[in-house]
């Protein structure tokens, strides 16, 4: 089955986001998504609040501030220390059975990775579409080139810090079911497609003034 999942959402537990889990669920339904991932900055504090619902897949996760880049850890529920090298961070995620995605690798003002440092690192995917990245199309192309160089699947996420941003970018996932294991396996297997758009100028201003 084909699932539309926003793999990068921040809630109020990130500190710089105003999204509650209830609002994330509401916008997931409004956008016609099948689910979303909770990826707060360096904390799993909010994961215990994830409700059990039938119509929306909610993936537990965290955005880890590694040394040299940010890593989306999907399917993990235990903290991952920040400030470690990317390779060590990825290994800790794998130890929890999680999926590692390098987040917005070339987005201005977000992060800039050294592609050479990623050689031999066991990442599962590259986030190429991120709605809040500046110079969206230019950055998308650079992120995509990195994914191809590393031979990794492409994913997309909104990187939402306000509810209405949810679902502007997302990942199409060809999964064998709606379970967490099925979704994570599909990402690892490369059955993904990054879809969506970046913020328009007035939307970016609205976000800055939230």
Protein backbone atom coordinates (compact mmCIF):
# COMPACT_ATOMS: atom_id res chain seq x y z
CA UNK A 1 0.00 0.00 0.00
CA UNK A 2 1.07 3.56 -0.68
CA UNK A 3 1.30 5.76 2.42
CA UNK A 4 1.75 9.53 2.67
CA UNK A 5 3.78 10.26 5.79
CA UNK A 6 5.40 13.50 6.96
CA UNK A 7 8.64 12.20 8.48
CA UNK A 8 9.73 15.43 10.19
CA UNK A 9 7.48 17.26 12.67
CA UNK A 10 8.34 19.14 15.87
CA UNK A 11 5.99 19.49 18.83
CA UNK A 12 6.03 21.85 21.80
CA UNK A 13 8.66 19.61 23.39
CA UNK A 14 11.20 20.96 20.89
CA UNK A 15 10.99 24.36 22.56
CA UNK A 16 10.87 26.25 19.26
CA UNK A 17 7.61 24.70 18.04
CA UNK A 18 4.02 25.58 18.91
CA UNK A 19 2.48 22.29 17.72
CA UNK A 20 0.67 20.05 20.20
CA UNK A 21 0.14 16.38 19.40
CA UNK A 22 -3.58 17.05 19.11
CA UNK A 23 -2.95 19.74 16.52
CA UNK A 24 -0.55 17.45 14.64
CA UNK A 25 -3.26 14.80 14.46
CA UNK A 26 -5.81 17.36 13.27
CA UNK A 27 -3.56 18.61 10.47
CA UNK A 28 -2.55 15.09 9.52
CA UNK A 29 -6.22 14.45 8.82
CA UNK A 30 -6.77 17.81 7.11
CA UNK A 31 -3.88 17.20 4.71
CA UNK A 32 -5.01 13.68 3.93
CA UNK A 33 -1.82 12.17 5.31
CA UNK A 34 -1.57 8.61 6.56
CA UNK A 35 0.76 9.60 9.35
CA UNK A 36 3.66 11.63 10.67
CA UNK A 37 6.85 11.24 12.72
CA UNK A 38 7.43 13.09 15.98
CA UNK A 39 11.05 14.29 15.73
CA UNK A 40 11.66 16.80 18.50
CA UNK A 41 15.10 18.31 18.95
CA UNK A 42 17.25 16.05 21.14
CA UNK A 43 14.39 14.90 23.36
CA UNK A 44 11.98 11.97 23.55
CA UNK A 45 9.99 13.63 26.31
CA UNK A 46 6.80 13.91 24.29
CA UNK A 47 6.73 10.34 22.97
CA UNK A 48 4.92 9.02 26.03
CA UNK A 49 1.98 11.26 25.07
CA UNK A 50 1.45 9.65 21.65
CA UNK A 51 -2.15 8.38 21.54
CA UNK A 52 -3.33 5.16 19.97
CA UNK A 53 -5.44 6.04 16.93
CA UNK A 54 -6.57 3.96 13.98
CA UNK A 55 -6.56 6.55 11.21
CA UNK A 56 -3.08 8.05 11.62
CA UNK A 57 0.29 6.32 11.91
CA UNK A 58 2.41 8.16 14.49
CA UNK A 59 6.11 7.26 14.34
CA UNK A 60 8.15 7.88 17.50
CA UNK A 61 11.47 9.54 16.89
CA UNK A 62 13.90 12.36 17.60
CA UNK A 63 16.07 14.78 15.65
CA UNK A 64 19.56 14.29 17.00
CA UNK A 65 22.10 17.11 16.83
CA UNK A 66 25.14 15.05 15.90
CA UNK A 67 28.58 16.50 15.33
CA UNK A 68 28.58 17.34 11.63
CA UNK A 69 24.84 17.16 10.93
CA UNK A 70 21.34 16.45 12.17
CA UNK A 71 19.97 12.91 12.13
CA UNK A 72 16.31 11.92 12.15
CA UNK A 73 16.04 8.80 14.29
CA UNK A 74 12.75 7.05 13.50
CA UNK A 75 11.35 4.19 15.54
CA UNK A 76 13.35 4.96 18.68
CA UNK A 77 11.98 5.82 22.11
CA UNK A 78 15.15 6.07 24.21
CA UNK A 79 17.33 9.22 24.23
CA UNK A 80 20.27 9.50 21.83
CA UNK A 81 23.04 11.77 23.17
CA UNK A 82 23.70 14.86 21.10
CA UNK A 83 27.14 16.02 20.02
CA UNK A 84 28.45 12.60 19.01
CA UNK A 85 29.97 11.92 15.57
CA UNK A 86 27.42 11.01 12.91
CA UNK A 87 28.73 7.45 12.63
CA UNK A 88 28.37 6.84 16.37
CA UNK A 89 24.92 8.42 16.40
CA UNK A 90 23.78 6.17 13.57
CA UNK A 91 25.09 3.09 15.38
CA UNK A 92 23.15 4.01 18.54
CA UNK A 93 19.98 4.44 16.49
CA UNK A 94 20.51 1.06 14.84
CA UNK A 95 20.97 -0.53 18.28
CA UNK A 96 17.39 0.53 19.07
CA UNK A 97 16.14 -0.90 15.78
CA UNK A 98 15.60 2.58 14.38
CA UNK A 99 16.03 4.19 10.98
CA UNK A 100 18.63 6.94 10.45
CA UNK A 101 17.99 9.78 8.01
CA UNK A 102 20.39 12.66 7.46
CA UNK A 103 18.19 15.75 7.81
CA UNK A 104 18.30 18.79 5.46
CA UNK A 105 21.99 18.17 4.66
CA UNK A 106 22.58 21.31 2.59
CA UNK A 107 19.88 23.67 3.90
CA UNK A 108 21.30 27.16 4.53
CA UNK A 109 21.19 28.19 8.21
CA UNK A 110 20.18 24.67 9.25
CA UNK A 111 23.17 22.43 8.69
CA UNK A 112 25.87 21.68 6.18
CA UNK A 113 27.37 18.23 6.04
CA UNK A 114 30.71 17.09 4.72
CA UNK A 115 29.79 14.42 2.20
CA UNK A 116 33.18 12.73 2.56
CA UNK A 117 32.46 12.12 6.26
CA UNK A 118 29.34 10.16 5.33
CA UNK A 119 31.20 7.58 3.27
CA UNK A 120 30.94 4.26 5.10
CA UNK A 121 28.32 5.53 7.56
CA UNK A 122 25.33 3.20 7.69
CA UNK A 123 22.59 5.76 7.11
CA UNK A 124 19.24 4.52 5.86
CA UNK A 125 18.12 7.56 3.83
CA UNK A 126 18.63 11.23 2.98
CA UNK A 127 15.98 13.89 3.58
CA UNK A 128 15.91 15.74 0.27
CA UNK A 129 12.60 17.61 0.59
CA UNK A 130 12.21 19.86 3.63
CA UNK A 131 9.52 22.54 3.47
CA UNK A 132 11.36 25.05 5.64
CA UNK A 133 14.74 24.90 3.92
CA UNK A 134 15.79 28.16 2.30
CA UNK A 135 16.35 28.27 -1.47
CA UNK A 136 14.09 25.23 -1.63
CA UNK A 137 14.64 24.03 -5.20
CA UNK A 138 18.40 24.65 -5.17
CA UNK A 139 18.75 22.86 -1.84
CA UNK A 140 16.51 20.02 -3.03
CA UNK A 141 18.83 19.42 -5.98
CA UNK A 142 21.94 19.40 -3.78
CA UNK A 143 20.32 17.07 -1.25
CA UNK A 144 19.24 14.76 -4.07
CA UNK A 145 22.77 14.64 -5.49
CA UNK A 146 24.00 13.57 -2.06
CA UNK A 147 21.42 10.79 -1.87
CA UNK A 148 22.50 9.51 -5.28
CA UNK A 149 26.18 9.72 -4.39
CA UNK A 150 25.56 7.66 -1.25
CA UNK A 151 23.14 5.31 -3.00
CA UNK A 152 20.44 5.98 -0.40
CA UNK A 153 16.64 6.40 -0.56
CA UNK A 154 15.12 9.89 -0.56
CA UNK A 155 12.60 11.12 2.01
CA UNK A 156 10.60 14.28 2.58
CA UNK A 157 9.22 16.07 5.61
CA UNK A 158 7.80 19.44 6.46
CA UNK A 159 10.09 20.19 9.43
CA UNK A 160 6.95 21.82 10.80
CA UNK A 161 7.15 24.09 13.85
CA UNK A 162 3.64 25.48 13.27
CA UNK A 163 0.56 23.29 12.60
CA UNK A 164 -0.30 24.61 9.13
CA UNK A 165 3.16 23.64 7.80
CA UNK A 166 2.47 19.94 8.41
CA UNK A 167 2.24 17.98 5.18
CA UNK A 168 3.66 20.61 2.84
CA UNK A 169 6.36 18.03 2.20
CA UNK A 170 6.11 14.34 2.95
CA UNK A 171 7.27 10.90 1.88
CA UNK A 172 5.38 8.45 -0.31
CA UNK A 173 6.12 5.02 1.13
CA UNK A 174 5.24 1.71 -0.51
CA UNK A 175 4.73 -0.38 2.61
CA UNK A 176 3.37 -3.88 3.13
CA UNK A 177 1.13 -2.63 5.92
CA UNK A 178 0.43 0.22 8.30
CA UNK A 179 2.50 -1.05 11.21
CA UNK A 180 5.59 0.79 12.43
CA UNK A 181 7.79 -2.16 11.44
CA UNK A 182 6.33 -2.23 7.92
CA UNK A 183 6.93 1.50 7.43
CA UNK A 184 10.51 1.39 8.73
CA UNK A 185 11.29 -1.65 6.57
CA UNK A 186 9.95 0.12 3.48
CA UNK A 187 12.23 3.10 4.16
CA UNK A 188 15.25 0.84 4.62
CA UNK A 189 14.36 -0.99 1.41
CA UNK A 190 14.21 2.29 -0.52
CA UNK A 191 10.51 2.17 -1.36
CA UNK A 192 10.17 5.92 -0.91
CA UNK A 193 9.59 9.11 -2.87
CA UNK A 194 10.03 12.67 -1.60
CA UNK A 195 7.03 14.89 -2.41
CA UNK A 196 5.99 18.45 -1.64
CA UNK A 197 7.08 22.06 -1.74
CA UNK A 198 8.86 24.73 0.23
CA UNK A 199 7.38 27.66 2.08
CA UNK A 200 6.27 30.60 -0.03
CA UNK A 201 7.64 34.02 0.99
CA UNK A 202 4.47 35.10 2.81
CA UNK A 203 4.24 31.70 4.52
CA UNK A 204 7.83 32.06 5.72
CA UNK A 205 7.04 35.52 7.09
CA UNK A 206 3.96 34.12 8.81
CA UNK A 207 6.11 31.40 10.36
CA UNK A 208 8.67 33.91 11.61
CA UNK A 209 5.90 36.04 13.17
CA UNK A 210 4.08 33.11 14.84
